[in-house]
Amino acid sequence: MNTLKTTLCFCLLALSGCTTVIPKSLQTLDGPMAQAVIVHQIKKNSNQAQLSAWQRQGNSWHRLYLVSAVIGRNGLAPAGEKKEGDGRTPSGIYPLGPAFGYASSVDTGLEYRQVGDLDFWVDDAQSKQYNEWVRGKPAAGSFERLKRRDNLYQYGIVIGYNTHPVVPGAGSAIFMHVWRKYYSPTSGCVALNQRNLRKILRWLSWKNQPVIMME
C-alpha cells in the first residue's frame, strides 16, 4: 500500500509540473547560466509584476517560486529606452549580484557586501563615477545613500544594468530590494516583500551565473 501511495505522489507531482508553462525567453539562455529570475509586468504601463524563479537541471527549466513584485512607477522601458529619472524599469536580460545589506553577513550564495554609512551610489550622469558604488563622499552632484533610514536596502541585489560599458544618462542604481508595500512602486528597481527577497537570496548562487529577465 505504501508503494502505491508513493507512486501516486510522484505521478501527481509529474502532472502538476506539466502545467507550468516554461517561458520562451528561457530558451535564449545558453552556456553555464542555471538560475533565472523573470519579472513579468502584469499589464502595460503597470507597476505591478510577478516574479518567478527558475532553476535549470540538465536541459530542463523548473520553476521554484512565483511571487508578487513591484517595478518602476511608470512601468517598463522598452529595450534601449531607459533614461535617468524616468521612473521606468529597464527591460532586458542582466546579471544578478553582488548582494548587499546592512548585516555583516546574509544567507546567500552570491557575493555579499555590507553597506555602511559611507557607501553611496552615483546617479549624476555628468560624473565620472556615474552608476558606480562609491565608498566615501562621491565626486558627483547627486548620489544615493545605500544605508537608508527606511530600510528598503536592508536586503538587496545589484542588477547589472548599464554597467559594461556605462552609458551616461541611461539609468543607474537598478536593484532588487525590499518594497515599501504592495502597490507602492519604485523609481526603476524591482522590489518584493522582505520574506520573499530573503528566500531568493538563499536560493541564488554565483556558481550558477544567475540572470534577471524583465519583460
N, C-alpha and C. Protein backbone atom coordinates (compact mmCIF):
# COMPACT_ATOMS: atom_id res chain seq x y z
N MET A 1 0.83 -1.21 0.00
CA MET A 1 0.00 0.00 0.00
C MET A 1 0.86 1.26 0.00
N ASN A 2 1.98 1.23 0.80
CA ASN A 2 2.88 2.37 0.84
C ASN A 2 3.51 2.63 -0.52
N THR A 3 3.86 1.56 -1.22
CA THR A 3 4.46 1.70 -2.56
C THR A 3 3.47 2.35 -3.51
N LEU A 4 2.20 1.99 -3.40
CA LEU A 4 1.16 2.57 -4.25
C LEU A 4 1.02 4.06 -3.98
N LYS A 5 1.04 4.43 -2.70
CA LYS A 5 0.92 5.84 -2.34
C LYS A 5 2.10 6.65 -2.87
N THR A 6 3.30 6.07 -2.74
CA THR A 6 4.49 6.76 -3.22
C THR A 6 4.44 6.97 -4.72
N THR A 7 4.03 5.93 -5.44
CA THR A 7 3.92 6.02 -6.89
C THR A 7 2.90 7.07 -7.30
N LEU A 8 1.77 7.12 -6.56
CA LEU A 8 0.73 8.09 -6.85
C LEU A 8 1.22 9.51 -6.62
N CYS A 9 2.00 9.71 -5.56
CA CYS A 9 2.54 11.05 -5.27
C CYS A 9 3.45 11.52 -6.39
N PHE A 10 4.32 10.65 -6.85
CA PHE A 10 5.23 11.01 -7.94
C PHE A 10 4.46 11.32 -9.21
N CYS A 11 3.38 10.58 -9.46
CA CYS A 11 2.57 10.84 -10.66
C CYS A 11 1.91 12.21 -10.57
N LEU A 12 1.39 12.55 -9.38
CA LEU A 12 0.75 13.84 -9.21
C LEU A 12 1.75 14.98 -9.36
N LEU A 13 2.96 14.78 -8.83
CA LEU A 13 3.99 15.80 -8.98
C LEU A 13 4.34 15.99 -10.44
N ALA A 14 4.44 14.90 -11.16
CA ALA A 14 4.77 14.98 -12.58
C ALA A 14 3.70 15.72 -13.35
N LEU A 15 2.43 15.41 -13.01
CA LEU A 15 1.34 16.06 -13.71
C LEU A 15 1.29 17.55 -13.39
N SER A 16 1.53 17.92 -12.13
CA SER A 16 1.49 19.33 -11.77
C SER A 16 2.61 20.08 -12.44
N GLY A 17 3.78 19.43 -12.61
CA GLY A 17 4.89 20.08 -13.29
C GLY A 17 4.57 20.37 -14.74
N CYS A 18 3.75 19.51 -15.34
CA CYS A 18 3.43 19.68 -16.76
C CYS A 18 2.56 20.92 -16.99
N THR A 19 1.88 21.39 -15.93
CA THR A 19 1.00 22.54 -16.11
C THR A 19 1.76 23.86 -16.08
N THR A 20 3.03 23.84 -15.67
CA THR A 20 3.83 25.05 -15.64
C THR A 20 4.40 25.31 -17.02
N VAL A 21 4.00 26.42 -17.60
CA VAL A 21 4.48 26.76 -18.94
C VAL A 21 5.86 27.40 -18.82
N ILE A 22 6.83 26.86 -19.53
CA ILE A 22 8.18 27.39 -19.49
C ILE A 22 8.27 28.57 -20.45
N PRO A 23 8.62 29.76 -19.96
CA PRO A 23 8.68 30.94 -20.83
C PRO A 23 9.66 30.76 -21.98
N LYS A 24 9.28 31.29 -23.14
CA LYS A 24 10.15 31.18 -24.31
C LYS A 24 11.48 31.90 -24.10
N SER A 25 11.47 32.94 -23.27
CA SER A 25 12.70 33.70 -23.04
C SER A 25 13.79 32.85 -22.42
N LEU A 26 13.41 31.81 -21.67
CA LEU A 26 14.42 30.94 -21.07
C LEU A 26 15.19 30.15 -22.13
N GLN A 27 14.55 29.93 -23.27
CA GLN A 27 15.20 29.17 -24.34
C GLN A 27 16.36 29.94 -24.97
N THR A 28 16.42 31.25 -24.72
CA THR A 28 17.52 32.05 -25.28
C THR A 28 18.78 31.96 -24.44
N LEU A 29 18.67 31.39 -23.23
CA LEU A 29 19.83 31.29 -22.36
C LEU A 29 20.62 30.04 -22.69
N ASP A 30 21.91 30.21 -22.81
CA ASP A 30 22.77 29.05 -23.08
C ASP A 30 24.00 29.13 -22.18
N GLY A 31 24.92 28.21 -22.39
CA GLY A 31 26.13 28.20 -21.59
C GLY A 31 25.85 27.77 -20.16
N PRO A 32 26.61 28.29 -19.18
CA PRO A 32 26.50 27.82 -17.80
C PRO A 32 25.40 28.47 -16.97
N MET A 33 24.60 29.35 -17.55
CA MET A 33 23.54 30.01 -16.78
C MET A 33 22.51 28.97 -16.33
N ALA A 34 22.36 28.83 -15.01
CA ALA A 34 21.46 27.80 -14.49
C ALA A 34 20.40 28.35 -13.55
N GLN A 35 20.40 29.66 -13.31
CA GLN A 35 19.36 30.28 -12.50
C GLN A 35 18.87 31.54 -13.21
N ALA A 36 17.56 31.71 -13.23
CA ALA A 36 16.98 32.88 -13.87
C ALA A 36 15.79 33.38 -13.07
N VAL A 37 15.74 34.70 -12.88
CA VAL A 37 14.60 35.36 -12.27
C VAL A 37 13.87 36.12 -13.38
N ILE A 38 12.59 35.86 -13.54
CA ILE A 38 11.81 36.54 -14.57
C ILE A 38 10.81 37.48 -13.90
N VAL A 39 10.87 38.74 -14.30
CA VAL A 39 9.93 39.75 -13.80
C VAL A 39 8.99 40.09 -14.95
N HIS A 40 7.74 39.72 -14.78
CA HIS A 40 6.75 39.89 -15.85
C HIS A 40 5.73 40.95 -15.44
N GLN A 41 5.67 42.03 -16.21
CA GLN A 41 4.71 43.10 -15.95
C GLN A 41 3.29 42.58 -16.15
N ILE A 42 2.41 42.83 -15.18
CA ILE A 42 1.05 42.29 -15.25
C ILE A 42 0.28 42.86 -16.42
N LYS A 43 0.39 44.17 -16.64
CA LYS A 43 -0.22 44.78 -17.82
C LYS A 43 0.58 46.01 -18.20
N LYS A 44 0.43 46.46 -19.43
CA LYS A 44 1.22 47.58 -19.94
C LYS A 44 1.05 48.82 -19.07
N ASN A 45 2.19 49.48 -18.83
CA ASN A 45 2.26 50.72 -18.04
C ASN A 45 1.92 50.52 -16.56
N SER A 46 1.79 49.28 -16.13
CA SER A 46 1.51 49.00 -14.73
C SER A 46 2.81 48.89 -13.95
N ASN A 47 2.76 49.20 -12.66
CA ASN A 47 3.93 48.98 -11.81
C ASN A 47 3.81 47.67 -11.02
N GLN A 48 2.78 46.89 -11.32
CA GLN A 48 2.60 45.59 -10.69
C GLN A 48 3.20 44.50 -11.56
N ALA A 49 3.84 43.52 -10.90
CA ALA A 49 4.51 42.46 -11.65
C ALA A 49 4.46 41.15 -10.88
N GLN A 50 4.78 40.09 -11.59
CA GLN A 50 5.00 38.78 -10.98
C GLN A 50 6.46 38.41 -11.17
N LEU A 51 7.05 37.86 -10.13
CA LEU A 51 8.43 37.41 -10.20
C LEU A 51 8.48 35.90 -10.05
N SER A 52 9.10 35.23 -11.01
CA SER A 52 9.25 33.78 -10.93
C SER A 52 10.73 33.42 -10.93
N ALA A 53 11.07 32.38 -10.19
CA ALA A 53 12.46 31.92 -10.08
C ALA A 53 12.59 30.55 -10.72
N TRP A 54 13.57 30.41 -11.60
CA TRP A 54 13.74 29.20 -12.40
C TRP A 54 15.13 28.61 -12.22
N GLN A 55 15.17 27.29 -12.09
CA GLN A 55 16.44 26.56 -11.94
C GLN A 55 16.56 25.57 -13.10
N ARG A 56 17.74 25.56 -13.73
CA ARG A 56 17.95 24.60 -14.81
C ARG A 56 18.57 23.32 -14.26
N GLN A 57 17.98 22.20 -14.64
CA GLN A 57 18.50 20.88 -14.29
C GLN A 57 18.66 20.10 -15.58
N GLY A 58 19.91 19.91 -15.99
CA GLY A 58 20.16 19.30 -17.28
C GLY A 58 19.73 20.24 -18.39
N ASN A 59 18.82 19.77 -19.22
CA ASN A 59 18.31 20.60 -20.32
C ASN A 59 16.93 21.19 -20.03
N SER A 60 16.45 21.01 -18.79
CA SER A 60 15.09 21.46 -18.46
C SER A 60 15.11 22.55 -17.40
N TRP A 61 14.16 23.47 -17.51
CA TRP A 61 13.99 24.53 -16.53
C TRP A 61 12.80 24.20 -15.64
N HIS A 62 12.95 24.47 -14.33
CA HIS A 62 11.89 24.19 -13.36
C HIS A 62 11.63 25.43 -12.53
N ARG A 63 10.36 25.79 -12.41
CA ARG A 63 10.00 26.96 -11.61
C ARG A 63 9.95 26.59 -10.14
N LEU A 64 10.62 27.39 -9.32
CA LEU A 64 10.65 27.16 -7.88
C LEU A 64 9.73 28.11 -7.11
N TYR A 65 9.68 29.37 -7.53
CA TYR A 65 8.89 30.36 -6.82
C TYR A 65 8.09 31.21 -7.79
N LEU A 66 6.96 31.69 -7.32
CA LEU A 66 6.16 32.68 -8.05
C LEU A 66 5.59 33.63 -7.02
N VAL A 67 6.05 34.90 -7.03
CA VAL A 67 5.66 35.85 -6.00
C VAL A 67 5.31 37.20 -6.63
N SER A 68 4.66 38.04 -5.86
CA SER A 68 4.31 39.38 -6.32
C SER A 68 5.52 40.31 -6.21
N ALA A 69 5.59 41.28 -7.11
CA ALA A 69 6.66 42.27 -7.12
C ALA A 69 6.12 43.59 -7.63
N VAL A 70 6.89 44.65 -7.41
CA VAL A 70 6.56 45.94 -7.98
C VAL A 70 7.77 46.46 -8.75
N ILE A 71 7.51 47.28 -9.76
CA ILE A 71 8.57 47.85 -10.58
C ILE A 71 8.42 49.37 -10.60
N GLY A 72 9.05 50.03 -11.56
CA GLY A 72 9.04 51.48 -11.64
C GLY A 72 7.63 52.06 -11.74
N ARG A 73 7.48 53.28 -11.23
CA ARG A 73 6.16 53.91 -11.21
C ARG A 73 5.58 54.12 -12.60
N ASN A 74 6.44 54.17 -13.62
CA ASN A 74 5.98 54.32 -15.00
C ASN A 74 6.15 53.05 -15.82
N GLY A 75 6.22 51.93 -15.13
CA GLY A 75 6.27 50.64 -15.82
C GLY A 75 7.64 50.28 -16.37
N LEU A 76 7.64 49.50 -17.44
CA LEU A 76 8.87 49.03 -18.08
C LEU A 76 9.27 49.94 -19.23
N ALA A 77 10.56 50.19 -19.35
CA ALA A 77 11.09 50.91 -20.50
C ALA A 77 11.45 49.89 -21.57
N PRO A 78 11.03 50.09 -22.82
CA PRO A 78 11.46 49.18 -23.89
C PRO A 78 12.99 49.15 -23.98
N ALA A 79 13.51 48.09 -24.56
CA ALA A 79 14.96 47.92 -24.68
C ALA A 79 15.61 49.14 -25.30
N GLY A 80 16.62 49.68 -24.64
CA GLY A 80 17.37 50.81 -25.16
C GLY A 80 16.75 52.17 -24.88
N GLU A 81 15.60 52.22 -24.19
CA GLU A 81 14.91 53.49 -23.98
C GLU A 81 14.93 53.99 -22.53
N LYS A 82 15.52 53.23 -21.63
CA LYS A 82 15.60 53.65 -20.23
C LYS A 82 16.47 54.91 -20.11
N LYS A 83 15.96 55.91 -19.34
CA LYS A 83 16.70 57.14 -19.12
C LYS A 83 16.74 57.45 -17.63
N GLU A 84 17.78 58.16 -17.22
CA GLU A 84 17.92 58.54 -15.82
C GLU A 84 16.71 59.36 -15.37
N GLY A 85 16.09 58.94 -14.26
CA GLY A 85 15.00 59.69 -13.67
C GLY A 85 13.63 59.52 -14.31
N ASP A 86 13.49 58.58 -15.27
CA ASP A 86 12.21 58.43 -15.95
C ASP A 86 11.20 57.57 -15.19
N GLY A 87 11.61 56.99 -14.06
CA GLY A 87 10.69 56.20 -13.27
C GLY A 87 10.32 54.87 -13.90
N ARG A 88 11.14 54.40 -14.84
CA ARG A 88 10.85 53.13 -15.51
C ARG A 88 11.92 52.09 -15.19
N THR A 89 11.52 50.85 -15.20
CA THR A 89 12.43 49.73 -15.01
C THR A 89 12.90 49.26 -16.38
N PRO A 90 14.20 49.05 -16.56
CA PRO A 90 14.69 48.65 -17.88
C PRO A 90 14.30 47.21 -18.22
N SER A 91 13.79 47.00 -19.42
CA SER A 91 13.52 45.63 -19.87
C SER A 91 14.82 45.04 -20.39
N GLY A 92 14.85 43.71 -20.46
CA GLY A 92 16.06 43.05 -20.96
C GLY A 92 16.56 41.99 -20.00
N ILE A 93 17.75 41.44 -20.31
CA ILE A 93 18.38 40.38 -19.52
C ILE A 93 19.69 40.91 -18.95
N TYR A 94 19.85 40.76 -17.62
CA TYR A 94 21.03 41.30 -16.96
C TYR A 94 21.52 40.35 -15.87
N PRO A 95 22.83 40.38 -15.58
CA PRO A 95 23.37 39.54 -14.50
C PRO A 95 22.90 40.02 -13.13
N LEU A 96 22.87 39.11 -12.17
CA LEU A 96 22.48 39.42 -10.80
C LEU A 96 23.68 39.31 -9.87
N GLY A 97 23.85 40.30 -9.01
CA GLY A 97 24.90 40.28 -8.00
C GLY A 97 25.89 41.39 -8.20
N PRO A 98 26.55 41.78 -7.11
CA PRO A 98 26.53 41.15 -5.79
C PRO A 98 25.28 41.48 -5.00
N ALA A 99 25.10 40.75 -3.89
CA ALA A 99 24.07 41.08 -2.93
C ALA A 99 24.65 42.09 -1.94
N PHE A 100 23.76 42.82 -1.27
CA PHE A 100 24.23 43.77 -0.27
C PHE A 100 23.18 43.93 0.81
N GLY A 101 23.57 44.52 1.92
CA GLY A 101 22.64 44.73 3.02
C GLY A 101 23.32 45.33 4.22
N TYR A 102 22.55 45.49 5.30
CA TYR A 102 23.06 46.16 6.48
C TYR A 102 23.82 45.22 7.42
N ALA A 103 23.49 43.93 7.41
CA ALA A 103 24.13 42.97 8.31
C ALA A 103 25.53 42.62 7.83
N SER A 104 26.35 42.10 8.74
CA SER A 104 27.71 41.72 8.38
C SER A 104 27.74 40.53 7.42
N SER A 105 26.69 39.71 7.46
CA SER A 105 26.59 38.59 6.53
C SER A 105 25.12 38.25 6.33
N VAL A 106 24.83 37.61 5.20
CA VAL A 106 23.47 37.22 4.84
C VAL A 106 23.55 35.81 4.24
N ASP A 107 22.51 35.04 4.45
CA ASP A 107 22.45 33.68 3.90
C ASP A 107 22.20 33.75 2.40
N THR A 108 23.26 33.68 1.62
CA THR A 108 23.15 33.73 0.16
C THR A 108 24.38 33.09 -0.46
N GLY A 109 24.20 32.59 -1.69
CA GLY A 109 25.32 32.06 -2.44
C GLY A 109 25.95 33.09 -3.36
N LEU A 110 25.43 34.33 -3.32
CA LEU A 110 26.01 35.42 -4.10
C LEU A 110 27.16 36.05 -3.33
N GLU A 111 28.03 36.74 -4.04
CA GLU A 111 28.99 37.60 -3.36
C GLU A 111 28.20 38.62 -2.55
N TYR A 112 28.64 38.93 -1.33
CA TYR A 112 27.89 39.82 -0.46
C TYR A 112 28.77 40.96 0.04
N ARG A 113 28.20 42.18 0.06
CA ARG A 113 28.89 43.35 0.57
C ARG A 113 28.03 44.04 1.62
N GLN A 114 28.62 44.30 2.77
CA GLN A 114 27.89 45.02 3.81
C GLN A 114 27.88 46.50 3.51
N VAL A 115 26.72 47.12 3.67
CA VAL A 115 26.55 48.55 3.43
C VAL A 115 26.79 49.32 4.73
N GLY A 116 27.58 50.39 4.63
CA GLY A 116 27.83 51.24 5.79
C GLY A 116 27.42 52.67 5.52
N ASP A 117 27.68 53.53 6.48
CA ASP A 117 27.28 54.94 6.36
C ASP A 117 28.04 55.69 5.28
N LEU A 118 29.15 55.13 4.81
CA LEU A 118 29.97 55.82 3.80
C LEU A 118 29.82 55.22 2.41
N ASP A 119 28.76 54.43 2.22
CA ASP A 119 28.54 53.80 0.92
C ASP A 119 27.44 54.54 0.14
N PHE A 120 27.76 54.88 -1.10
CA PHE A 120 26.85 55.65 -1.95
C PHE A 120 26.81 55.06 -3.36
N TRP A 121 25.72 55.38 -4.08
CA TRP A 121 25.62 55.01 -5.49
C TRP A 121 25.36 56.29 -6.28
N VAL A 122 26.20 56.55 -7.28
CA VAL A 122 26.17 57.82 -8.00
C VAL A 122 25.12 57.78 -9.12
N ASP A 123 24.23 58.81 -9.13
CA ASP A 123 23.23 58.92 -10.20
C ASP A 123 23.38 60.21 -11.01
N ASP A 124 24.50 60.88 -10.83
CA ASP A 124 24.80 62.09 -11.59
C ASP A 124 25.43 61.70 -12.93
N ALA A 125 24.68 61.89 -14.01
CA ALA A 125 25.13 61.46 -15.34
C ALA A 125 26.38 62.20 -15.81
N GLN A 126 26.70 63.33 -15.18
CA GLN A 126 27.87 64.11 -15.57
C GLN A 126 29.13 63.67 -14.82
N SER A 127 28.96 62.82 -13.84
CA SER A 127 30.10 62.39 -13.03
C SER A 127 30.83 61.21 -13.67
N LYS A 128 32.14 61.16 -13.48
CA LYS A 128 32.93 60.02 -13.94
C LYS A 128 32.60 58.76 -13.13
N GLN A 129 31.94 58.94 -12.00
CA GLN A 129 31.57 57.81 -11.14
C GLN A 129 30.12 57.38 -11.37
N TYR A 130 29.52 57.85 -12.44
CA TYR A 130 28.11 57.55 -12.72
C TYR A 130 27.84 56.05 -12.72
N ASN A 131 26.76 55.67 -12.07
CA ASN A 131 26.31 54.28 -11.93
C ASN A 131 27.38 53.39 -11.30
N GLU A 132 28.06 53.93 -10.29
CA GLU A 132 29.06 53.15 -9.56
C GLU A 132 28.79 53.21 -8.07
N TRP A 133 29.16 52.13 -7.38
CA TRP A 133 29.14 52.07 -5.92
C TRP A 133 30.42 52.75 -5.45
N VAL A 134 30.29 53.78 -4.63
CA VAL A 134 31.43 54.55 -4.16
C VAL A 134 31.47 54.54 -2.65
N ARG A 135 32.64 54.29 -2.09
CA ARG A 135 32.82 54.39 -0.64
C ARG A 135 33.50 55.72 -0.33
N GLY A 136 32.88 56.51 0.53
CA GLY A 136 33.34 57.86 0.79
C GLY A 136 32.56 58.82 -0.09
N LYS A 137 32.58 60.10 0.23
CA LYS A 137 31.78 61.07 -0.49
C LYS A 137 32.14 61.08 -1.97
N PRO A 138 31.15 60.88 -2.86
CA PRO A 138 31.42 60.81 -4.31
C PRO A 138 31.79 62.17 -4.90
N ALA A 139 32.49 62.11 -6.01
CA ALA A 139 32.78 63.33 -6.78
C ALA A 139 31.64 63.52 -7.77
N ALA A 140 30.48 63.90 -7.23
CA ALA A 140 29.26 63.97 -8.05
C ALA A 140 28.29 64.96 -7.44
N GLY A 141 27.40 65.48 -8.29
CA GLY A 141 26.40 66.42 -7.84
C GLY A 141 25.21 65.76 -7.17
N SER A 142 24.96 64.49 -7.49
CA SER A 142 23.87 63.75 -6.86
C SER A 142 24.24 62.29 -6.72
N PHE A 143 23.76 61.71 -5.66
CA PHE A 143 24.07 60.30 -5.36
C PHE A 143 23.07 59.80 -4.33
N GLU A 144 23.02 58.48 -4.18
CA GLU A 144 22.08 57.86 -3.26
C GLU A 144 22.83 57.18 -2.13
N ARG A 145 22.38 57.43 -0.91
CA ARG A 145 22.96 56.76 0.25
C ARG A 145 22.42 55.33 0.31
N LEU A 146 23.31 54.34 0.41
CA LEU A 146 22.87 52.95 0.38
C LEU A 146 22.33 52.46 1.73
N LYS A 147 22.75 53.07 2.81
CA LYS A 147 22.18 52.70 4.10
C LYS A 147 21.04 53.65 4.41
N ARG A 148 19.87 53.30 3.92
CA ARG A 148 18.71 54.17 4.01
C ARG A 148 18.03 54.04 5.36
N ARG A 149 17.39 55.13 5.78
CA ARG A 149 16.66 55.11 7.04
C ARG A 149 15.37 54.31 6.95
N ASP A 150 14.81 54.17 5.73
CA ASP A 150 13.55 53.43 5.58
C ASP A 150 13.77 51.93 5.42
N ASN A 151 15.03 51.49 5.44
CA ASN A 151 15.38 50.06 5.38
C ASN A 151 15.00 49.36 4.09
N LEU A 152 14.74 50.09 3.02
CA LEU A 152 14.45 49.45 1.74
C LEU A 152 15.64 48.65 1.23
N TYR A 153 16.84 49.06 1.64
CA TYR A 153 18.05 48.36 1.21
C TYR A 153 18.63 47.47 2.30
N GLN A 154 17.81 47.10 3.27
CA GLN A 154 18.29 46.19 4.31
C GLN A 154 18.77 44.88 3.68
N TYR A 155 18.07 44.48 2.62
CA TYR A 155 18.50 43.35 1.78
C TYR A 155 18.37 43.79 0.33
N GLY A 156 19.37 43.52 -0.47
CA GLY A 156 19.31 43.94 -1.87
C GLY A 156 20.23 43.13 -2.76
N ILE A 157 19.99 43.23 -4.05
CA ILE A 157 20.83 42.58 -5.06
C ILE A 157 21.04 43.59 -6.19
N VAL A 158 22.26 43.77 -6.59
CA VAL A 158 22.55 44.65 -7.71
C VAL A 158 22.12 43.97 -9.01
N ILE A 159 21.37 44.69 -9.83
CA ILE A 159 21.03 44.24 -11.17
C ILE A 159 22.05 44.87 -12.12
N GLY A 160 22.74 44.06 -12.88
CA GLY A 160 23.85 44.55 -13.69
C GLY A 160 23.42 45.29 -14.94
N TYR A 161 22.61 46.33 -14.75
CA TYR A 161 22.15 47.14 -15.87
C TYR A 161 23.08 48.35 -16.05
N ASN A 162 23.41 48.65 -17.32
CA ASN A 162 24.23 49.81 -17.68
C ASN A 162 25.55 49.83 -16.92
N THR A 163 26.22 48.69 -16.94
CA THR A 163 27.48 48.57 -16.20
C THR A 163 28.70 48.36 -17.09
N HIS A 164 28.57 47.65 -18.17
CA HIS A 164 29.73 47.34 -19.04
C HIS A 164 29.32 47.46 -20.51
N PRO A 165 29.49 48.65 -21.13
CA PRO A 165 30.03 49.89 -20.54
C PRO A 165 28.91 50.68 -19.87
N VAL A 166 29.31 51.70 -19.12
CA VAL A 166 28.35 52.62 -18.52
C VAL A 166 28.05 53.73 -19.52
N VAL A 167 26.77 53.89 -19.83
CA VAL A 167 26.33 54.94 -20.76
C VAL A 167 25.74 56.09 -19.94
N PRO A 168 26.34 57.28 -19.96
CA PRO A 168 25.83 58.39 -19.18
C PRO A 168 24.36 58.70 -19.51
N GLY A 169 23.55 58.79 -18.47
CA GLY A 169 22.15 59.15 -18.65
C GLY A 169 21.22 57.99 -18.97
N ALA A 170 21.75 56.77 -19.11
CA ALA A 170 20.91 55.63 -19.48
C ALA A 170 20.26 54.96 -18.28
N GLY A 171 20.51 55.46 -17.09
CA GLY A 171 19.89 54.89 -15.90
C GLY A 171 20.92 54.32 -14.95
N SER A 172 20.62 54.42 -13.66
CA SER A 172 21.59 53.98 -12.66
C SER A 172 20.87 53.39 -11.44
N ALA A 173 21.66 52.71 -10.60
CA ALA A 173 21.17 52.18 -9.32
C ALA A 173 19.92 51.32 -9.49
N ILE A 174 20.00 50.33 -10.35
CA ILE A 174 18.89 49.40 -10.56
C ILE A 174 19.14 48.17 -9.69
N PHE A 175 18.30 47.98 -8.70
CA PHE A 175 18.47 46.91 -7.73
C PHE A 175 17.20 46.07 -7.61
N MET A 176 17.34 44.92 -6.96
CA MET A 176 16.20 44.19 -6.40
C MET A 176 16.28 44.44 -4.90
N HIS A 177 15.20 44.97 -4.30
CA HIS A 177 15.27 45.33 -2.89
C HIS A 177 13.91 45.16 -2.23
N VAL A 178 13.83 45.49 -0.95
CA VAL A 178 12.60 45.35 -0.18
C VAL A 178 11.60 46.43 -0.59
N TRP A 179 10.34 46.05 -0.77
CA TRP A 179 9.34 47.04 -1.13
C TRP A 179 8.81 47.79 0.09
N ARG A 180 8.22 48.96 -0.17
CA ARG A 180 7.53 49.68 0.91
C ARG A 180 6.26 48.92 1.27
N LYS A 181 5.50 48.57 0.27
CA LYS A 181 4.30 47.76 0.40
C LYS A 181 3.81 47.45 -1.01
N TYR A 182 2.92 46.49 -1.11
CA TYR A 182 2.34 46.18 -2.41
C TYR A 182 1.56 47.41 -2.89
N TYR A 183 1.62 47.67 -4.19
CA TYR A 183 1.03 48.84 -4.84
C TYR A 183 1.88 50.10 -4.68
N SER A 184 3.02 50.00 -3.99
CA SER A 184 3.90 51.16 -3.85
C SER A 184 5.06 50.98 -4.83
N PRO A 185 5.08 51.71 -5.94
CA PRO A 185 6.08 51.48 -6.98
C PRO A 185 7.48 51.96 -6.58
N THR A 186 8.45 51.61 -7.40
CA THR A 186 9.83 52.04 -7.20
C THR A 186 10.14 53.16 -8.18
N SER A 187 11.38 53.63 -8.14
CA SER A 187 11.84 54.63 -9.11
C SER A 187 12.44 53.98 -10.35
N GLY A 188 12.46 52.65 -10.37
CA GLY A 188 13.02 51.92 -11.50
C GLY A 188 13.56 50.55 -11.13
N CYS A 189 13.61 50.29 -9.83
CA CYS A 189 14.09 49.00 -9.35
C CYS A 189 12.98 47.96 -9.38
N VAL A 190 13.32 46.73 -8.96
CA VAL A 190 12.35 45.65 -8.74
C VAL A 190 12.30 45.43 -7.23
N ALA A 191 11.12 45.43 -6.64
CA ALA A 191 11.00 45.27 -5.19
C ALA A 191 9.98 44.20 -4.84
N LEU A 192 10.23 43.50 -3.75
CA LEU A 192 9.31 42.49 -3.24
C LEU A 192 9.38 42.47 -1.72
N ASN A 193 8.49 41.73 -1.09
CA ASN A 193 8.49 41.79 0.37
C ASN A 193 9.74 41.10 0.92
N GLN A 194 10.08 41.45 2.15
CA GLN A 194 11.35 41.00 2.72
C GLN A 194 11.46 39.48 2.78
N ARG A 195 10.37 38.82 3.16
CA ARG A 195 10.42 37.36 3.28
C ARG A 195 10.75 36.71 1.94
N ASN A 196 10.11 37.16 0.87
CA ASN A 196 10.37 36.58 -0.43
C ASN A 196 11.77 36.94 -0.95
N LEU A 197 12.23 38.15 -0.66
CA LEU A 197 13.57 38.54 -1.10
C LEU A 197 14.62 37.69 -0.41
N ARG A 198 14.46 37.43 0.87
CA ARG A 198 15.43 36.59 1.58
C ARG A 198 15.40 35.15 1.05
N LYS A 199 14.23 34.70 0.63
CA LYS A 199 14.12 33.37 0.02
C LYS A 199 14.92 33.32 -1.30
N ILE A 200 14.79 34.37 -2.10
CA ILE A 200 15.53 34.45 -3.36
C ILE A 200 17.03 34.51 -3.09
N LEU A 201 17.42 35.28 -2.09
CA LEU A 201 18.85 35.39 -1.73
C LEU A 201 19.42 34.03 -1.34
N ARG A 202 18.68 33.27 -0.55
CA ARG A 202 19.17 31.95 -0.13
C ARG A 202 19.35 31.01 -1.32
N TRP A 203 18.47 31.14 -2.29
CA TRP A 203 18.49 30.25 -3.45
C TRP A 203 19.61 30.60 -4.43
N LEU A 204 19.87 31.86 -4.66
CA LEU A 204 20.82 32.28 -5.68
C LEU A 204 22.26 31.92 -5.31
N SER A 205 23.03 31.57 -6.34
CA SER A 205 24.45 31.28 -6.16
C SER A 205 25.23 31.81 -7.36
N TRP A 206 26.35 32.44 -7.09
CA TRP A 206 27.19 32.96 -8.18
C TRP A 206 27.67 31.85 -9.09
N LYS A 207 27.78 30.62 -8.58
CA LYS A 207 28.24 29.49 -9.38
C LYS A 207 27.30 29.19 -10.54
N ASN A 208 26.02 29.57 -10.38
CA ASN A 208 25.02 29.32 -11.42
C ASN A 208 24.86 30.47 -12.39
N GLN A 209 25.71 31.50 -12.25
CA GLN A 209 25.66 32.67 -13.12
C GLN A 209 24.23 33.18 -13.32
N PRO A 210 23.56 33.58 -12.24
CA PRO A 210 22.14 33.96 -12.32
C PRO A 210 21.92 35.24 -13.10
N VAL A 211 20.78 35.30 -13.76
CA VAL A 211 20.38 36.49 -14.51
C VAL A 211 18.95 36.86 -14.15
N ILE A 212 18.61 38.10 -14.44
CA ILE A 212 17.22 38.56 -14.30
C ILE A 212 16.73 38.97 -15.67
N MET A 213 15.51 38.59 -15.98
CA MET A 213 14.88 38.88 -17.28
C MET A 213 13.63 39.69 -17.00
N MET A 214 13.62 40.94 -17.47
CA MET A 214 12.49 41.83 -17.18
C MET A 214 11.72 42.08 -18.48
N GLU A 215 10.45 41.70 -18.46
CA GLU A 215 9.68 41.71 -19.70
C GLU A 215 8.23 42.09 -19.48
